[in-house]
Amino acid sequence: MTTTDMPRPVDADAGRAVSKKRPRSSGSGGLRRAVPATTLLWILACLYGLPVLWFILSSLKPSSDLFSYPLTLVPHNPTLSGFKAAWDSANFSQYFINTAIVCVITTILTVGVSCCTGYALAKYDNKWLKVFFLCILATTMLPSEVMLAPEFLVVRNLGLYNSFAGIILPAVLTATGCFMFRQFFLTVPDELVEAARIDGARELSIFLRIMVPLSRPIMLTLAILSFQWRWNDYIWPLLMLNDPNKFTVQIGIQSIVGAQNINWSVLLGASVISMIPLIAIFLVFQRYVMGADINAGLKD
């Protein structure tokens, strides 16, 4: 063996040095790509958060400071008089109970119906199911105001006018919920379903014991969205209810507004009060909204 055939320690050390430097360059490149995206997200968060912050801080201002010039973000003399006046001027406790009943029942029914519909649309091959899915998606192309008149006539003819059932039933089936569950169940491997069928599991057992636990993140996400939709719903309860004892929160806030003048301090306080349950629901359940391991139970 000649000297040229023997490995040179200097070249080996140089190769190891180069291999050690490569991850650093890739890491710095990833950091450079992440900085603009993170900066953009922070800018968008500030743009969306500033009006909300202004709204909350304005509710702590007395009426005389709301339209003072120059406008200020932080109240000079913070007060809770607007919140107290809003709570005393309206029956908020009854409004909260009515709205909670509507939101909880509607959310449970919406999640259940959407889960069943999404599973059928994703795992059963039938041309009529595809047509039905297109019909559901077509409802998203129509403004909600277009469907108010026919929905009102149907609910009135069923004898559900001025009742919570008249508010709940039309809101149970949503195109968004069916689409969310269908897209999720499409990502679940068919081998998991086939393995359960080979083991002798029935369709209902497969759905309740396999599919429903896997779809928990989607269920929680839709539950948060559905609760928010029903809590902020204003037009439909306004059309359906004429009994003040059955008013929801949004109609109760509207009743505070006078015909000739508006007490903005009271209105802002009532609006912030109505936001508290939504914020609490999101803070409690948002940590449970995480990805599910859809490959659980499958062997390589």
C-alpha atoms as a PDB file:
ATOM      1  CA  MET A   1       0.000   0.000   0.000  1.00  0.00           C
ATOM      2  CA  THR A   2       1.412   3.374  -0.969  1.00  0.00           C
ATOM      3  CA  THR A   3       1.269   6.517   1.074  1.00  0.00           C
ATOM      4  CA  THR A   4      -1.383   7.989  -1.218  1.00  0.00           C
ATOM      5  CA  ASP A   5      -3.787   5.103  -0.371  1.00  0.00           C
ATOM      6  CA  MET A   6      -3.693   5.733   3.365  1.00  0.00           C
ATOM      7  CA  PRO A   7      -6.327   8.044   4.854  1.00  0.00           C
ATOM      8  CA  ARG A   8      -5.116  11.416   5.968  1.00  0.00           C
ATOM      9  CA  PRO A   9      -6.129  12.487   9.473  1.00  0.00           C
ATOM     10  CA  VAL A  10      -6.283  16.105   8.437  1.00  0.00           C
ATOM     11  CA  ASP A  11      -8.866  15.399   5.707  1.00  0.00           C
ATOM     12  CA  ALA A  12     -11.006  13.297   8.090  1.00  0.00           C
ATOM     13  CA  ASP A  13     -10.987  16.033  10.686  1.00  0.00           C
ATOM     14  CA  ALA A  14     -11.910  18.576   8.067  1.00  0.00           C
ATOM     15  CA  GLY A  15     -14.819  16.383   6.911  1.00  0.00           C
ATOM     16  CA  ARG A  16     -16.109  16.044  10.457  1.00  0.00           C
ATOM     17  CA  ALA A  17     -15.834  19.798  10.923  1.00  0.00           C
ATOM     18  CA  VAL A  18     -17.840  20.437   7.781  1.00  0.00           C
ATOM     19  CA  SER A  19     -20.528  17.927   8.829  1.00  0.00           C
ATOM     20  CA  LYS A  20     -20.844  19.631  12.205  1.00  0.00           C
ATOM     21  CA  LYS A  21     -21.302  23.043  10.626  1.00  0.00           C
ATOM     22  CA  ARG A  22     -24.101  22.036   8.259  1.00  0.00           C
ATOM     23  CA  PRO A  23     -26.889  21.787  10.878  1.00  0.00           C
ATOM     24  CA  ARG A  24     -25.968  25.258  12.122  1.00  0.00           C
ATOM     25  CA  SER A  25     -26.474  26.756   8.689  1.00  0.00           C
ATOM     26  CA  SER A  26     -29.840  24.992   8.284  1.00  0.00           C
ATOM     27  CA  GLY A  27     -30.930  26.093  11.737  1.00  0.00           C
ATOM     28  CA  SER A  28     -30.054  29.710  11.068  1.00  0.00           C
ATOM     29  CA  GLY A  29     -31.895  29.503   7.765  1.00  0.00           C
ATOM     30  CA  GLY A  30     -34.992  28.201   9.521  1.00  0.00           C
ATOM     31  CA  LEU A  31     -34.733  31.019  12.030  1.00  0.00           C
ATOM     32  CA  ARG A  32     -34.495  33.587   9.246  1.00  0.00           C
ATOM     33  CA  ARG A  33     -37.632  32.151   7.660  1.00  0.00           C
ATOM     34  CA  ALA A  34     -39.503  32.119  10.980  1.00  0.00           C
ATOM     35  CA  VAL A  35     -38.788  35.731  11.945  1.00  0.00           C
ATOM     36  CA  PRO A  36     -40.894  37.391   9.164  1.00  0.00           C
ATOM     37  CA  ALA A  37     -43.827  35.034   9.753  1.00  0.00           C
ATOM     38  CA  THR A  38     -43.719  35.584  13.519  1.00  0.00           C
ATOM     39  CA  THR A  39     -43.465  39.342  13.055  1.00  0.00           C
ATOM     40  CA  LEU A  40     -46.458  39.327  10.712  1.00  0.00           C
ATOM     41  CA  LEU A  41     -48.499  37.322  13.224  1.00  0.00           C
ATOM     42  CA  TRP A  42     -47.658  39.767  15.999  1.00  0.00           C
ATOM     43  CA  ILE A  43     -48.655  42.703  13.806  1.00  0.00           C
ATOM     44  CA  LEU A  44     -51.993  41.047  12.971  1.00  0.00           C
ATOM     45  CA  ALA A  45     -52.546  40.235  16.657  1.00  0.00           C
ATOM     46  CA  CYS A  46     -51.993  43.882  17.564  1.00  0.00           C
ATOM     47  CA  LEU A  47     -54.324  45.078  14.790  1.00  0.00           C
ATOM     48  CA  TYR A  48     -57.098  42.756  15.954  1.00  0.00           C
ATOM     49  CA  GLY A  49     -56.424  43.198  19.663  1.00  0.00           C
ATOM     50  CA  LEU A  50     -56.248  47.000  19.786  1.00  0.00           C
ATOM     51  CA  PRO A  51     -59.992  47.582  19.088  1.00  0.00           C
ATOM     52  CA  VAL A  52     -60.915  44.938  21.666  1.00  0.00           C
ATOM     53  CA  LEU A  53     -58.605  46.541  24.225  1.00  0.00           C
ATOM     54  CA  TRP A  54     -60.049  49.983  23.441  1.00  0.00           C
ATOM     55  CA  PHE A  55     -63.567  48.578  23.819  1.00  0.00           C
ATOM     56  CA  ILE A  56     -62.850  47.023  27.237  1.00  0.00           C
ATOM     57  CA  LEU A  57     -61.018  50.077  28.567  1.00  0.00           C
ATOM     58  CA  SER A  58     -63.787  52.380  27.299  1.00  0.00           C
ATOM     59  CA  SER A  59     -66.293  50.448  29.393  1.00  0.00           C
ATOM     60  CA  LEU A  60     -64.349  51.613  32.462  1.00  0.00           C
ATOM     61  CA  LYS A  61     -64.699  55.280  31.516  1.00  0.00           C
ATOM     62  CA  PRO A  62     -67.501  57.532  32.772  1.00  0.00           C
ATOM     63  CA  SER A  63     -69.905  58.830  30.141  1.00  0.00           C
ATOM     64  CA  SER A  64     -68.291  62.277  30.160  1.00  0.00           C
ATOM     65  CA  ASP A  65     -64.896  60.873  29.127  1.00  0.00           C
ATOM     66  CA  LEU A  66     -66.024  58.657  26.246  1.00  0.00           C
ATOM     67  CA  PHE A  67     -66.163  61.453  23.659  1.00  0.00           C
ATOM     68  CA  SER A  68     -63.673  63.858  25.201  1.00  0.00           C
ATOM     69  CA  TYR A  69     -61.008  65.301  22.903  1.00  0.00           C
ATOM     70  CA  PRO A  70     -58.296  64.216  22.502  1.00  0.00           C
ATOM     71  CA  LEU A  71     -59.311  60.582  22.754  1.00  0.00           C
ATOM     72  CA  THR A  72     -57.378  58.519  25.276  1.00  0.00           C
ATOM     73  CA  LEU A  73     -56.909  54.784  25.474  1.00  0.00           C
ATOM     74  CA  VAL A  74     -56.430  54.482  29.237  1.00  0.00           C
ATOM     75  CA  PRO A  75     -59.258  55.912  31.405  1.00  0.00           C
ATOM     76  CA  HIS A  76     -58.179  58.730  33.725  1.00  0.00           C
ATOM     77  CA  ASN A  77     -60.881  57.990  36.289  1.00  0.00           C
ATOM     78  CA  PRO A  78     -61.796  54.294  35.899  1.00  0.00           C
ATOM     79  CA  THR A  79     -65.191  53.354  37.272  1.00  0.00           C
ATOM     80  CA  LEU A  80     -67.511  50.363  37.331  1.00  0.00           C
ATOM     81  CA  SER A  81     -70.660  52.468  37.297  1.00  0.00           C
ATOM     82  CA  GLY A  82     -71.464  51.405  33.727  1.00  0.00           C
ATOM     83  CA  PHE A  83     -71.399  47.726  34.694  1.00  0.00           C
ATOM     84  CA  LYS A  84     -73.564  48.309  37.770  1.00  0.00           C
ATOM     85  CA  ALA A  85     -76.083  50.408  35.847  1.00  0.00           C
ATOM     86  CA  ALA A  86     -76.255  47.794  33.067  1.00  0.00           C
ATOM     87  CA  TRP A  87     -76.836  44.962  35.532  1.00  0.00           C
ATOM     88  CA  ASP A  88     -79.518  46.923  37.403  1.00  0.00           C
ATOM     89  CA  SER A  89     -81.320  48.182  34.305  1.00  0.00           C
ATOM     90  CA  ALA A  90     -81.813  44.725  32.752  1.00  0.00           C
ATOM     91  CA  ASN A  91     -82.664  41.293  34.091  1.00  0.00           C
ATOM     92  CA  PHE A  92     -79.279  39.882  33.179  1.00  0.00           C
ATOM     93  CA  SER A  93     -79.547  36.874  35.459  1.00  0.00           C
ATOM     94  CA  GLN A  94     -82.651  35.660  33.577  1.00  0.00           C
ATOM     95  CA  TYR A  95     -81.071  36.522  30.230  1.00  0.00           C
ATOM     96  CA  PHE A  96     -77.991  34.481  31.093  1.00  0.00           C
ATOM     97  CA  ILE A  97     -80.086  31.481  32.143  1.00  0.00           C
ATOM     98  CA  ASN A  98     -82.187  31.623  28.957  1.00  0.00           C
ATOM     99  CA  THR A  99     -79.154  31.971  26.717  1.00  0.00           C
ATOM    100  CA  ALA A 100     -77.273  29.197  28.538  1.00  0.00           C
ATOM    101  CA  ILE A 101     -80.203  26.806  28.045  1.00  0.00           C
ATOM    102  CA  VAL A 102     -80.360  27.589  24.332  1.00  0.00           C
ATOM    103  CA  CYS A 103     -76.595  27.410  23.823  1.00  0.00           C
ATOM    104  CA  VAL A 104     -75.991  24.170  25.741  1.00  0.00           C
ATOM    105  CA  ILE A 105     -78.860  22.228  24.160  1.00  0.00           C
ATOM    106  CA  THR A 106     -78.099  23.519  20.669  1.00  0.00           C
ATOM    107  CA  THR A 107     -74.381  22.785  21.015  1.00  0.00           C
ATOM    108  CA  ILE A 108     -74.977  19.194  22.164  1.00  0.00           C
ATOM    109  CA  LEU A 109     -77.427  18.509  19.343  1.00  0.00           C
ATOM    110  CA  THR A 110     -75.221  20.233  16.755  1.00  0.00           C
ATOM    111  CA  VAL A 111     -72.130  18.226  17.690  1.00  0.00           C
ATOM    112  CA  GLY A 112     -74.055  14.939  17.748  1.00  0.00           C
ATOM    113  CA  VAL A 113     -75.880  15.465  14.454  1.00  0.00           C
ATOM    114  CA  SER A 114     -72.791  16.800  12.688  1.00  0.00           C
ATOM    115  CA  CYS A 115     -70.676  13.875  13.911  1.00  0.00           C
ATOM    116  CA  CYS A 116     -73.178  11.294  12.641  1.00  0.00           C
ATOM    117  CA  THR A 117     -73.636  13.100   9.333  1.00  0.00           C
ATOM    118  CA  GLY A 118     -69.918  13.590   8.768  1.00  0.00           C
ATOM    119  CA  TYR A 119     -69.188   9.914   9.459  1.00  0.00           C
ATOM    120  CA  ALA A 120     -71.843   8.755   7.005  1.00  0.00           C
ATOM    121  CA  LEU A 121     -70.627  11.143   4.309  1.00  0.00           C
ATOM    122  CA  ALA A 122     -66.990  10.088   4.752  1.00  0.00           C
ATOM    123  CA  LYS A 123     -67.163   6.310   5.210  1.00  0.00           C
ATOM    124  CA  TYR A 124     -70.133   5.201   3.105  1.00  0.00           C
ATOM    125  CA  ASP A 125     -69.850   5.157  -0.675  1.00  0.00           C
ATOM    126  CA  ASN A 126     -73.197   6.161  -2.153  1.00  0.00           C
ATOM    127  CA  LYS A 127     -73.927   8.637  -4.918  1.00  0.00           C
ATOM    128  CA  TRP A 128     -76.999   9.977  -3.113  1.00  0.00           C
ATOM    129  CA  LEU A 129     -74.888  10.762  -0.076  1.00  0.00           C
ATOM    130  CA  LYS A 130     -72.633  12.837  -2.307  1.00  0.00           C
ATOM    131  CA  VAL A 131     -75.656  14.696  -3.671  1.00  0.00           C
ATOM    132  CA  PHE A 132     -76.869  15.269  -0.118  1.00  0.00           C
ATOM    133  CA  PHE A 133     -73.453  16.630   0.840  1.00  0.00           C
ATOM    134  CA  LEU A 134     -73.539  19.062  -2.086  1.00  0.00           C
ATOM    135  CA  CYS A 135     -76.989  20.228  -0.977  1.00  0.00           C
ATOM    136  CA  ILE A 136     -75.640  20.867   2.518  1.00  0.00           C
ATOM    137  CA  LEU A 137     -72.705  22.856   1.148  1.00  0.00           C
ATOM    138  CA  ALA A 138     -75.068  24.818  -1.102  1.00  0.00           C
ATOM    139  CA  THR A 139     -76.742  26.295   1.978  1.00  0.00           C
ATOM    140  CA  THR A 140     -73.525  28.188   2.745  1.00  0.00           C
ATOM    141  CA  MET A 141     -73.935  30.125  -0.522  1.00  0.00           C
ATOM    142  CA  LEU A 142     -77.228  31.650   0.630  1.00  0.00           C
ATOM    143  CA  PRO A 143     -77.279  34.615   3.001  1.00  0.00           C
ATOM    144  CA  SER A 144     -78.959  33.820   6.281  1.00  0.00           C
ATOM    145  CA  GLU A 145     -81.417  36.672   5.711  1.00  0.00           C
ATOM    146  CA  VAL A 146     -82.798  34.865   2.642  1.00  0.00           C
ATOM    147  CA  MET A 147     -83.815  31.847   4.735  1.00  0.00           C
ATOM    148  CA  LEU A 148     -85.359  33.807   7.610  1.00  0.00           C
ATOM    149  CA  ALA A 149     -88.841  34.066   6.068  1.00  0.00           C
ATOM    150  CA  PRO A 150     -89.317  30.357   5.151  1.00  0.00           C
ATOM    151  CA  GLU A 151     -87.784  29.224   8.452  1.00  0.00           C
ATOM    152  CA  PHE A 152     -90.112  31.525  10.363  1.00  0.00           C
ATOM    153  CA  LEU A 153     -93.179  30.193   8.532  1.00  0.00           C
ATOM    154  CA  VAL A 154     -92.172  26.573   9.168  1.00  0.00           C
ATOM    155  CA  VAL A 155     -91.496  27.150  12.865  1.00  0.00           C
ATOM    156  CA  ARG A 156     -94.723  29.117  13.318  1.00  0.00           C
ATOM    157  CA  ASN A 157     -96.800  26.430  11.583  1.00  0.00           C
ATOM    158  CA  LEU A 158     -95.254  23.810  13.861  1.00  0.00           C
ATOM    159  CA  GLY A 159     -96.478  25.753  16.874  1.00  0.00           C
ATOM    160  CA  LEU A 160     -92.985  26.578  18.142  1.00  0.00           C
ATOM    161  CA  TYR A 161     -93.271  30.365  18.036  1.00  0.00           C
ATOM    162  CA  ASN A 162     -92.168  32.150  21.217  1.00  0.00           C
ATOM    163  CA  SER A 163     -90.419  29.055  22.564  1.00  0.00           C
ATOM    164  CA  PHE A 164     -86.832  27.923  23.037  1.00  0.00           C
ATOM    165  CA  ALA A 165     -87.479  24.953  20.736  1.00  0.00           C
ATOM    166  CA  GLY A 166     -88.167  27.380  17.889  1.00  0.00           C
ATOM    167  CA  ILE A 167     -84.678  28.835  18.363  1.00  0.00           C
ATOM    168  CA  ILE A 168     -82.872  25.534  18.890  1.00  0.00           C
ATOM    169  CA  LEU A 169     -84.192  23.234  16.167  1.00  0.00           C
ATOM    170  CA  PRO A 170     -83.368  25.381  13.072  1.00  0.00           C
ATOM    171  CA  ALA A 171     -79.796  25.774  14.297  1.00  0.00           C
ATOM    172  CA  VAL A 172     -78.999  22.098  14.904  1.00  0.00           C
ATOM    173  CA  LEU A 173     -77.733  21.116  11.442  1.00  0.00           C
ATOM    174  CA  THR A 174     -74.899  23.317  10.186  1.00  0.00           C
ATOM    175  CA  ALA A 175     -72.930  22.947   6.986  1.00  0.00           C
ATOM    176  CA  THR A 176     -69.745  23.936   8.791  1.00  0.00           C
ATOM    177  CA  GLY A 177     -70.071  21.148  11.349  1.00  0.00           C
ATOM    178  CA  CYS A 178     -70.855  18.471   8.742  1.00  0.00           C
ATOM    179  CA  PHE A 179     -67.920  19.591   6.613  1.00  0.00           C
ATOM    180  CA  MET A 180     -65.509  19.601   9.569  1.00  0.00           C
ATOM    181  CA  PHE A 181     -66.409  16.057  10.640  1.00  0.00           C
ATOM    182  CA  ARG A 182     -66.445  14.723   7.075  1.00  0.00           C
ATOM    183  CA  GLN A 183     -62.973  16.046   6.374  1.00  0.00           C
ATOM    184  CA  PHE A 184     -61.685  14.629   9.649  1.00  0.00           C
ATOM    185  CA  PHE A 185     -63.174  11.167   9.133  1.00  0.00           C
ATOM    186  CA  LEU A 186     -61.683  11.061   5.634  1.00  0.00           C
ATOM    187  CA  THR A 187     -58.236  11.187   7.262  1.00  0.00           C
ATOM    188  CA  VAL A 188     -59.011   8.146   9.442  1.00  0.00           C
ATOM    189  CA  PRO A 189     -57.575   5.058   7.680  1.00  0.00           C
ATOM    190  CA  ASP A 190     -60.180   2.686   6.301  1.00  0.00           C
ATOM    191  CA  GLU A 191     -58.039  -0.191   7.564  1.00  0.00           C
ATOM    192  CA  LEU A 192     -59.019   0.748  11.111  1.00  0.00           C
ATOM    193  CA  VAL A 193     -62.709   0.363  10.279  1.00  0.00           C
ATOM    194  CA  GLU A 194     -62.128  -2.837   8.332  1.00  0.00           C
ATOM    195  CA  ALA A 195     -60.129  -4.354  11.193  1.00  0.00           C
ATOM    196  CA  ALA A 196     -62.994  -3.620  13.589  1.00  0.00           C
ATOM    197  CA  ARG A 197     -65.492  -5.237  11.199  1.00  0.00           C
ATOM    198  CA  ILE A 198     -63.312  -8.347  10.884  1.00  0.00           C
ATOM    199  CA  ASP A 199     -63.253  -8.603  14.678  1.00  0.00           C
ATOM    200  CA  GLY A 200     -67.056  -8.677  14.642  1.00  0.00           C
ATOM    201  CA  ALA A 201     -67.820  -5.097  15.675  1.00  0.00           C
ATOM    202  CA  ARG A 202     -71.103  -3.668  14.456  1.00  0.00           C
ATOM    203  CA  GLU A 203     -71.438  -0.308  12.726  1.00  0.00           C
ATOM    204  CA  LEU A 204     -72.880   1.425  15.773  1.00  0.00           C
ATOM    205  CA  SER A 205     -70.111   0.026  17.958  1.00  0.00           C
ATOM    206  CA  ILE A 206     -67.457   1.159  15.477  1.00  0.00           C
ATOM    207  CA  PHE A 207     -68.896   4.642  15.463  1.00  0.00           C
ATOM    208  CA  LEU A 208     -69.334   5.025  19.224  1.00  0.00           C
ATOM    209  CA  ARG A 209     -66.209   3.211  20.427  1.00  0.00           C
ATOM    210  CA  ILE A 210     -63.690   4.152  17.732  1.00  0.00           C
ATOM    211  CA  MET A 211     -64.762   7.155  15.677  1.00  0.00           C
ATOM    212  CA  VAL A 212     -66.269   9.304  18.402  1.00  0.00           C
ATOM    213  CA  PRO A 213     -63.189   9.129  20.706  1.00  0.00           C
ATOM    214  CA  LEU A 214     -60.885   9.922  17.776  1.00  0.00           C
ATOM    215  CA  SER A 215     -62.940  12.964  16.805  1.00  0.00           C
ATOM    216  CA  ARG A 216     -62.792  14.581  20.239  1.00  0.00           C
ATOM    217  CA  PRO A 217     -60.674  17.553  19.050  1.00  0.00           C
ATOM    218  CA  ILE A 218     -63.160  18.293  16.268  1.00  0.00           C
ATOM    219  CA  MET A 219     -66.056  17.911  18.694  1.00  0.00           C
ATOM    220  CA  LEU A 220     -64.549  20.416  21.113  1.00  0.00           C
ATOM    221  CA  THR A 221     -63.732  22.844  18.317  1.00  0.00           C
ATOM    222  CA  LEU A 222     -67.263  22.704  16.923  1.00  0.00           C
ATOM    223  CA  ALA A 223     -68.700  22.945  20.439  1.00  0.00           C
ATOM    224  CA  ILE A 224     -66.812  26.189  21.061  1.00  0.00           C
ATOM    225  CA  LEU A 225     -67.881  27.608  17.699  1.00  0.00           C
ATOM    226  CA  SER A 226     -71.510  26.526  18.109  1.00  0.00           C
ATOM    227  CA  PHE A 227     -71.722  27.983  21.613  1.00  0.00           C
ATOM    228  CA  GLN A 228     -70.299  31.251  20.311  1.00  0.00           C
ATOM    229  CA  TRP A 229     -72.742  31.358  17.369  1.00  0.00           C
ATOM    230  CA  ARG A 230     -75.785  30.779  19.548  1.00  0.00           C
ATOM    231  CA  TRP A 231     -74.617  33.162  22.273  1.00  0.00           C
ATOM    232  CA  ASN A 232     -74.140  35.999  19.783  1.00  0.00           C
ATOM    233  CA  ASP A 233     -77.262  35.214  17.749  1.00  0.00           C
ATOM    234  CA  TYR A 234     -79.540  38.228  17.593  1.00  0.00           C
ATOM    235  CA  ILE A 235     -81.799  38.270  14.526  1.00  0.00           C
ATOM    236  CA  TRP A 236     -83.435  34.854  14.924  1.00  0.00           C
ATOM    237  CA  PRO A 237     -84.270  35.157  18.657  1.00  0.00           C
ATOM    238  CA  LEU A 238     -85.567  38.673  17.982  1.00  0.00           C
ATOM    239  CA  LEU A 239     -88.028  37.270  15.427  1.00  0.00           C
ATOM    240  CA  MET A 240     -89.048  34.235  17.495  1.00  0.00           C
ATOM    241  CA  LEU A 241     -89.461  35.655  21.001  1.00  0.00           C
ATOM    242  CA  ASN A 242     -91.902  38.275  22.292  1.00  0.00           C
ATOM    243  CA  ASP A 243     -91.935  37.300  25.968  1.00  0.00           C
ATOM    244  CA  PRO A 244     -89.420  39.375  28.000  1.00  0.00           C
ATOM    245  CA  ASN A 245     -88.931  36.444  30.377  1.00  0.00           C
ATOM    246  CA  LYS A 246     -87.541  34.393  27.469  1.00  0.00           C
ATOM    247  CA  PHE A 247     -85.213  37.024  26.010  1.00  0.00           C
ATOM    248  CA  THR A 248     -81.600  36.075  25.382  1.00  0.00           C
ATOM    249  CA  VAL A 249     -78.583  38.201  26.275  1.00  0.00           C
ATOM    250  CA  GLN A 250     -78.303  39.966  22.921  1.00  0.00           C
ATOM    251  CA  ILE A 251     -81.979  40.987  22.940  1.00  0.00           C
ATOM    252  CA  GLY A 252     -81.556  42.127  26.534  1.00  0.00           C
ATOM    253  CA  ILE A 253     -78.664  44.371  25.519  1.00  0.00           C
ATOM    254  CA  GLN A 254     -80.765  45.796  22.701  1.00  0.00           C
ATOM    255  CA  SER A 255     -83.524  46.643  25.193  1.00  0.00           C
ATOM    256  CA  ILE A 256     -81.081  48.929  27.025  1.00  0.00           C
ATOM    257  CA  VAL A 257     -80.761  51.171  23.972  1.00  0.00           C
ATOM    258  CA  GLY A 258     -83.284  53.992  24.190  1.00  0.00           C
ATOM    259  CA  ALA A 259     -85.320  55.352  21.319  1.00  0.00           C
ATOM    260  CA  GLN A 260     -84.012  58.917  21.595  1.00  0.00           C
ATOM    261  CA  ASN A 261     -80.618  58.617  23.266  1.00  0.00           C
ATOM    262  CA  ILE A 262     -78.018  55.971  24.064  1.00  0.00           C
ATOM    263  CA  ASN A 263     -76.148  55.721  27.332  1.00  0.00           C
ATOM    264  CA  TRP A 264     -72.881  54.475  25.894  1.00  0.00           C
ATOM    265  CA  SER A 265     -71.315  53.767  29.266  1.00  0.00           C
ATOM    266  CA  VAL A 266     -74.168  51.395  30.174  1.00  0.00           C
ATOM    267  CA  LEU A 267     -74.184  49.825  26.702  1.00  0.00           C
ATOM    268  CA  LEU A 268     -70.434  49.169  26.803  1.00  0.00           C
ATOM    269  CA  GLY A 269     -70.707  47.681  30.283  1.00  0.00           C
ATOM    270  CA  ALA A 270     -73.521  45.357  29.193  1.00  0.00           C
ATOM    271  CA  SER A 271     -71.547  44.290  26.120  1.00  0.00           C
ATOM    272  CA  VAL A 272     -68.476  43.425  28.194  1.00  0.00           C
ATOM    273  CA  ILE A 273     -70.651  41.434  30.615  1.00  0.00           C
ATOM    274  CA  SER A 274     -72.012  39.418  27.704  1.00  0.00           C
ATOM    275  CA  MET A 275     -68.445  38.567  26.617  1.00  0.00           C
ATOM    276  CA  ILE A 276     -67.397  37.008  29.923  1.00  0.00           C
ATOM    277  CA  PRO A 277     -68.961  33.534  29.377  1.00  0.00           C
ATOM    278  CA  LEU A 278     -67.438  33.249  25.893  1.00  0.00           C
ATOM    279  CA  ILE A 279     -63.976  34.102  27.181  1.00  0.00           C
ATOM    280  CA  ALA A 280     -64.356  31.636  30.048  1.00  0.00           C
ATOM    281  CA  ILE A 281     -65.502  28.838  27.709  1.00  0.00           C
ATOM    282  CA  PHE A 282     -62.559  29.418  25.380  1.00  0.00           C
ATOM    283  CA  LEU A 283     -59.970  29.530  28.176  1.00  0.00           C
ATOM    284  CA  VAL A 284     -61.294  26.318  29.738  1.00  0.00           C
ATOM    285  CA  PHE A 285     -61.612  24.209  26.590  1.00  0.00           C
ATOM    286  CA  GLN A 286     -58.980  25.541  24.201  1.00  0.00           C
ATOM    287  CA  ARG A 287     -56.213  23.439  25.765  1.00  0.00           C
ATOM    288  CA  TYR A 288     -58.196  20.293  24.952  1.00  0.00           C
ATOM    289  CA  VAL A 289     -58.321  21.165  21.251  1.00  0.00           C
ATOM    290  CA  MET A 290     -55.301  19.219  20.034  1.00  0.00           C
ATOM    291  CA  GLY A 291     -54.503  16.703  17.341  1.00  0.00           C
ATOM    292  CA  ALA A 292     -55.629  13.116  17.764  1.00  0.00           C
ATOM    293  CA  ASP A 293     -53.568  10.059  16.903  1.00  0.00           C
ATOM    294  CA  ILE A 294     -55.761   8.626  14.151  1.00  0.00           C
ATOM    295  CA  ASN A 295     -53.347   5.745  13.635  1.00  0.00           C
ATOM    296  CA  ALA A 296     -53.933   4.358  17.114  1.00  0.00           C
ATOM    297  CA  GLY A 297     -54.732   0.666  16.968  1.00  0.00           C
ATOM    298  CA  LEU A 298     -52.941   0.063  13.657  1.00  0.00           C
ATOM    299  CA  LYS A 299     -49.814  -2.057  13.371  1.00  0.00           C
ATOM    300  CA  ASP A 300     -47.006  -1.322  10.973  1.00  0.00           C
END
